[in-house]
Structure formats: structure tokens, C-alpha cells
Amino acid sequence: MRADRRRVRAIHNRLMRFYGPLRPPRRTEPLEELISTVLSQHTSDANAERAYRSLRTAYPSWDAVVRASSAAVADVIRSGGLANTKASRIQAILREIRIREGGFDLAFLRRRSDPEVREYLTSLPGVGPKTAAVVLAFSLGRAVIPVDTHVHRVSRRLGLVPPKVSAERAHALLEELTREEIRVGLHVGLIRLGREICRAGRPRCEECPLASLCPTAPSLLSQS
């Protein structure tokens, strides 16, 4: 375990040298982060941000989102992809929060422990561990590693988690390996690497700052 932690630290250091400071996104309120994360699923950051801006422009209050028809909400967030599914999910989440809290304020989560926040968020309709981890990391400033499709792929190629491990299990394994102070930064670096270099198809190992630390790189490079 100690050797693995040193390797994770080396990975983090190389990512910082390659990309510069691994800063998290601008912190937002928990409910804003939650809805933004739902909109970000299976699309690019640019499309998700466009969809979120369109949603808040069309419906300045969360109550207005709930009162609108699902079809109308879907039309507004069309740029984010999977609009019908996401519109229904967002409305279901908001309705459930209003039933539980009498409104749409999730600021109370700042006073809850990480397990309590995870339990609350994942009990909402369609909210999984990755979405809960994003809210914990980027809204509440907690030391967690959200595992999206990019982080999942890169961490498996690097041998940080087993090849067939699920993204849900990868959350816990990566946090066991990573010191608290670098968890969010490591996520930022791995997700950027996954988007730009360590892609799902043919990764650009010849350009990767982690190639010499990666057990997968030699076989991939030999195929090029």
C-alpha cells in the first residue's frame, strides 16, 4: 500500500508539472452543482454549461422548473443531449427535495459528514455515487475523487485499480490510495488526461507525461 501511495503521489506530481496547478472548478451551491452534474452526463463540458445556462434563463427559480412540463424543460436543455431523460430526472430530483426539505435549499449538507451527504444524495431519483462525489468535491470542498468515465479508464490503464473494477468500487479504492490533500487535484489531472491524451480509442501514449509509470503504455506503443 505504501509503494502504491508513493506511485500515486508521483502521478500527481507529473500531472502538475505537465498541466500546471490542478485547480477544481469554481465552487457553486450544492443544488446548482447537483443539477449541473446531471446535465453533464454523456456530453461535453461546453454542452452541459450551455444547457445549464439555458435552463436558468428560461426558469430562474427551481419551482418554475418543477411546474413546467417535461417536454418544455427538455426543449430548453436540448444542447446537453439526452434531453428527455435529463428533464424528467431533474424534475424528479427537485420534487423529492421539495417534499423532504419544504424548498430547494441544500446548504444544510455543509454541516453533514461525507457518508451522510452521500447517503442523502444517492437516495434522490437517479443520483449515483459519481454525482454525489462531484457535489462533495466541488461544492462542499471535501477530499474525494469523483470517478467519471475518464478517471475510471485512466486509473485502470495506470493499474491503480483492477481492470474489471466498477466505477463505484473505484471511488473507494482510489481514495484509499490517495492522501486527502491531493484527491481533488488528482481527479482534475486524471480527467484532463483522459479527455486529451488517454482517450478511449487509441491513446496518445507517446505524448503522455505518465507513460513511464503506466503498465499499459508499452503494449499500446508497440501497436503504433
Protein backbone atom coordinates (compact mmCIF):
# COMPACT_ATOMS: atom_id res chain seq x y z
CA MET A 1 0.00 0.00 0.00
CA ARG A 2 2.82 2.42 0.87
CA ALA A 3 4.50 1.84 -2.51
CA ASP A 4 1.17 2.37 -4.28
CA ARG A 5 0.69 5.66 -2.43
CA ARG A 6 4.15 6.83 -3.48
CA ARG A 7 3.24 5.98 -7.07
CA VAL A 8 0.01 7.96 -6.83
CA ARG A 9 1.98 10.91 -5.45
CA ALA A 10 4.40 10.63 -8.39
CA ILE A 11 1.47 10.58 -10.82
CA HIS A 12 0.02 13.68 -9.19
CA ASN A 13 3.36 15.49 -9.31
CA ARG A 14 3.86 14.71 -13.01
CA LEU A 15 0.35 15.87 -13.85
CA MET A 16 1.06 19.17 -12.05
CA ARG A 17 4.30 19.65 -13.98
CA PHE A 18 2.52 18.88 -17.24
CA TYR A 19 -0.68 20.89 -16.74
CA GLY A 20 0.25 23.39 -14.05
CA PRO A 21 -1.91 23.87 -10.94
CA LEU A 22 -4.71 21.30 -10.82
CA ARG A 23 -7.42 23.64 -9.62
CA PRO A 24 -11.02 22.48 -9.17
CA PRO A 25 -13.87 24.32 -10.93
CA ARG A 26 -15.48 27.37 -9.36
CA ARG A 27 -17.43 26.29 -6.29
CA THR A 28 -21.22 26.50 -6.55
CA GLU A 29 -24.13 25.84 -4.21
CA PRO A 30 -24.94 22.13 -3.66
CA LEU A 31 -28.18 22.12 -5.63
CA GLU A 32 -26.63 24.04 -8.53
CA GLU A 33 -23.75 21.55 -8.63
CA LEU A 34 -26.16 18.63 -8.45
CA ILE A 35 -28.27 19.79 -11.39
CA SER A 36 -25.18 20.80 -13.40
CA THR A 37 -23.74 17.33 -12.89
CA VAL A 38 -26.92 15.66 -14.10
CA LEU A 39 -26.73 17.82 -17.22
CA SER A 40 -23.05 16.92 -17.74
CA GLN A 41 -23.70 13.20 -18.11
CA HIS A 42 -22.78 11.79 -21.54
CA THR A 43 -21.90 15.16 -23.04
CA SER A 44 -19.09 17.70 -23.17
CA ASP A 45 -18.50 20.38 -20.53
CA ALA A 46 -19.34 23.07 -23.07
CA ASN A 47 -22.68 21.50 -23.96
CA ALA A 48 -23.53 20.92 -20.30
CA GLU A 49 -22.75 24.52 -19.39
CA ARG A 50 -24.84 25.75 -22.31
CA ALA A 51 -27.76 23.59 -21.20
CA TYR A 52 -27.48 24.81 -17.60
CA ARG A 53 -27.43 28.46 -18.66
CA SER A 54 -30.45 27.88 -20.88
CA LEU A 55 -32.30 26.19 -18.03
CA ARG A 56 -31.69 29.01 -15.55
CA THR A 57 -32.51 31.66 -18.13
CA ALA A 58 -35.80 30.04 -19.05
CA TYR A 59 -36.66 29.13 -15.44
CA PRO A 60 -34.98 31.50 -12.92
CA SER A 61 -36.42 29.56 -9.95
CA TRP A 62 -36.31 25.84 -9.24
CA ASP A 63 -40.03 25.92 -8.54
CA ALA A 64 -40.57 27.11 -12.11
CA VAL A 65 -38.61 24.10 -13.38
CA VAL A 66 -40.87 21.78 -11.40
CA ARG A 67 -44.07 23.47 -12.62
CA ALA A 68 -43.02 23.35 -16.28
CA SER A 69 -43.85 20.38 -18.48
CA SER A 70 -41.09 17.83 -19.01
CA ALA A 71 -41.28 18.48 -22.74
CA ALA A 72 -40.71 22.21 -22.22
CA VAL A 73 -37.72 21.59 -19.93
CA ALA A 74 -36.31 19.10 -22.42
CA ASP A 75 -36.52 21.67 -25.22
CA VAL A 76 -34.58 24.16 -23.10
CA ILE A 77 -31.75 21.75 -22.24
CA ARG A 78 -31.55 20.11 -25.68
CA SER A 79 -27.91 21.17 -26.17
CA GLY A 80 -26.84 18.86 -23.33
CA GLY A 81 -28.05 15.69 -25.02
CA LEU A 82 -30.44 13.04 -23.66
CA ALA A 83 -32.79 15.94 -23.02
CA ASN A 84 -35.96 13.96 -22.32
CA THR A 85 -34.26 11.69 -19.80
CA LYS A 86 -32.43 14.53 -18.06
CA ALA A 87 -35.51 16.75 -17.91
CA SER A 88 -37.54 14.05 -16.17
CA ARG A 89 -34.68 13.25 -13.80
CA ILE A 90 -34.08 16.89 -12.86
CA GLN A 91 -37.77 17.44 -12.15
CA ALA A 92 -37.95 14.24 -10.08
CA ILE A 93 -34.91 15.30 -8.03
CA LEU A 94 -36.35 18.76 -7.41
CA ARG A 95 -39.76 17.39 -6.43
CA GLU A 96 -38.18 14.98 -3.96
CA ILE A 97 -36.04 17.70 -2.40
CA ARG A 98 -39.08 19.96 -2.03
CA ILE A 99 -41.03 17.16 -0.34
CA ARG A 100 -38.21 16.46 2.10
CA GLU A 101 -36.99 19.99 2.80
CA GLY A 102 -40.02 22.17 2.06
CA GLY A 103 -37.95 24.08 -0.51
CA PHE A 104 -34.85 23.86 -2.66
CA ASP A 105 -32.02 24.74 -0.28
CA LEU A 106 -29.35 22.07 0.27
CA ALA A 107 -26.98 24.29 2.25
CA PHE A 108 -27.58 22.07 5.29
CA LEU A 109 -25.38 19.45 3.62
CA ARG A 110 -22.35 21.56 4.54
CA ARG A 111 -22.94 20.50 8.17
CA ARG A 112 -23.22 16.80 7.35
CA SER A 113 -20.43 14.23 7.23
CA ASP A 114 -19.27 12.77 3.92
CA PRO A 115 -21.17 9.48 4.45
CA GLU A 116 -24.33 11.38 5.37
CA VAL A 117 -24.08 13.57 2.26
CA ARG A 118 -23.51 10.51 0.05
CA GLU A 119 -26.47 8.73 1.60
CA TYR A 120 -28.77 11.72 1.14
CA LEU A 121 -27.77 12.46 -2.44
CA THR A 122 -27.81 8.87 -3.67
CA SER A 123 -31.29 8.43 -2.22
CA LEU A 124 -32.56 11.04 -4.70
CA PRO A 125 -34.01 9.79 -8.01
CA GLY A 126 -31.30 8.84 -10.49
CA VAL A 127 -28.37 10.19 -8.43
CA GLY A 128 -25.42 7.80 -8.29
CA PRO A 129 -22.08 7.73 -6.45
CA LYS A 130 -20.23 9.74 -9.10
CA THR A 131 -22.73 12.61 -8.99
CA ALA A 132 -22.66 12.59 -5.18
CA ALA A 133 -18.85 12.70 -5.24
CA VAL A 134 -18.87 15.70 -7.60
CA VAL A 135 -21.11 17.63 -5.21
CA LEU A 136 -18.89 16.65 -2.27
CA ALA A 137 -15.69 17.70 -4.06
CA PHE A 138 -16.69 20.80 -5.99
CA SER A 139 -19.49 22.29 -3.92
CA LEU A 140 -18.67 21.21 -0.38
CA GLY A 141 -14.89 21.16 -0.73
CA ARG A 142 -14.49 17.62 0.59
CA ALA A 143 -11.46 15.41 -0.08
CA VAL A 144 -12.97 12.90 -2.50
CA ILE A 145 -12.19 11.64 -6.01
CA PRO A 146 -15.18 11.62 -8.36
CA VAL A 147 -14.78 8.73 -10.81
CA ASP A 148 -16.31 9.54 -14.17
CA THR A 149 -15.70 7.58 -17.36
CA HIS A 150 -12.33 9.29 -17.98
CA VAL A 151 -10.95 8.80 -14.46
CA HIS A 152 -12.20 5.21 -14.49
CA ARG A 153 -10.45 4.43 -17.79
CA VAL A 154 -7.16 6.16 -16.91
CA SER A 155 -6.92 4.66 -13.42
CA ARG A 156 -7.40 1.15 -14.85
CA ARG A 157 -4.76 1.69 -17.54
CA LEU A 158 -2.36 3.00 -14.90
CA GLY A 159 -3.01 -0.09 -12.79
CA LEU A 160 -4.30 1.93 -9.86
CA VAL A 161 -7.45 -0.19 -9.79
CA PRO A 162 -8.08 -3.69 -11.23
CA PRO A 163 -9.07 -3.89 -14.92
CA LYS A 164 -12.62 -5.07 -14.28
CA VAL A 165 -13.42 -2.99 -11.21
CA SER A 166 -16.62 -0.94 -11.37
CA ALA A 167 -16.56 2.85 -11.25
CA GLU A 168 -18.42 2.69 -7.93
CA ARG A 169 -15.76 0.46 -6.37
CA ALA A 170 -13.00 2.57 -7.95
CA HIS A 171 -14.13 5.56 -5.84
CA ALA A 172 -13.23 3.74 -2.62
CA LEU A 173 -10.03 2.16 -3.95
CA LEU A 174 -8.61 5.43 -5.26
CA GLU A 175 -9.40 7.26 -2.03
CA GLU A 176 -7.60 4.53 -0.05
CA LEU A 177 -4.50 5.13 -2.19
CA THR A 178 -4.57 8.91 -2.17
CA ARG A 179 -3.74 11.40 0.57
CA GLU A 180 -6.63 13.75 1.29
CA GLU A 181 -4.84 16.91 0.23
CA ILE A 182 -4.30 15.72 -3.37
CA ARG A 183 -7.57 13.88 -4.06
CA VAL A 184 -9.43 16.66 -5.84
CA GLY A 185 -6.32 17.75 -7.74
CA LEU A 186 -5.67 14.18 -8.85
CA HIS A 187 -9.23 13.98 -10.17
CA VAL A 188 -8.75 17.21 -12.12
CA GLY A 189 -5.49 15.95 -13.62
CA LEU A 190 -6.77 12.46 -14.49
CA ILE A 191 -9.95 13.72 -16.11
CA ARG A 192 -8.00 16.18 -18.23
CA LEU A 193 -5.52 13.49 -19.23
CA GLY A 194 -8.40 11.18 -20.15
CA ARG A 195 -10.06 13.79 -22.33
CA GLU A 196 -6.94 14.99 -24.12
CA ILE A 197 -4.44 12.12 -24.25
CA CYS A 198 -5.54 8.84 -22.65
CA ARG A 199 -8.62 8.55 -24.83
CA ALA A 200 -10.99 5.60 -25.09
CA GLY A 201 -9.79 4.56 -28.54
CA ARG A 202 -6.08 4.85 -29.33
CA PRO A 203 -4.45 6.82 -26.51
CA ARG A 204 -1.56 9.13 -27.39
CA CYS A 205 0.95 7.37 -25.12
CA GLU A 206 3.87 8.99 -26.94
CA GLU A 207 2.72 12.37 -25.57
CA CYS A 208 1.67 11.21 -22.11
CA PRO A 209 3.60 12.52 -19.08
CA LEU A 210 2.75 9.28 -17.24
CA ALA A 211 3.94 6.83 -19.91
CA SER A 212 6.94 5.61 -17.92
CA LEU A 213 4.67 4.96 -14.91
CA CYS A 214 1.97 3.20 -16.91
CA PRO A 215 1.98 -0.61 -17.27
CA THR A 216 -0.33 -0.36 -20.30
CA ALA A 217 1.75 2.12 -22.33
CA PRO A 218 4.43 -0.31 -23.63
CA SER A 219 1.89 -2.62 -25.25
CA LEU A 220 -0.07 0.29 -26.71
CA LEU A 221 3.08 1.93 -28.06
CA SER A 222 4.20 -1.32 -29.67
CA GLN A 223 0.96 -1.36 -31.66
CA SER A 224 1.55 2.07 -33.18
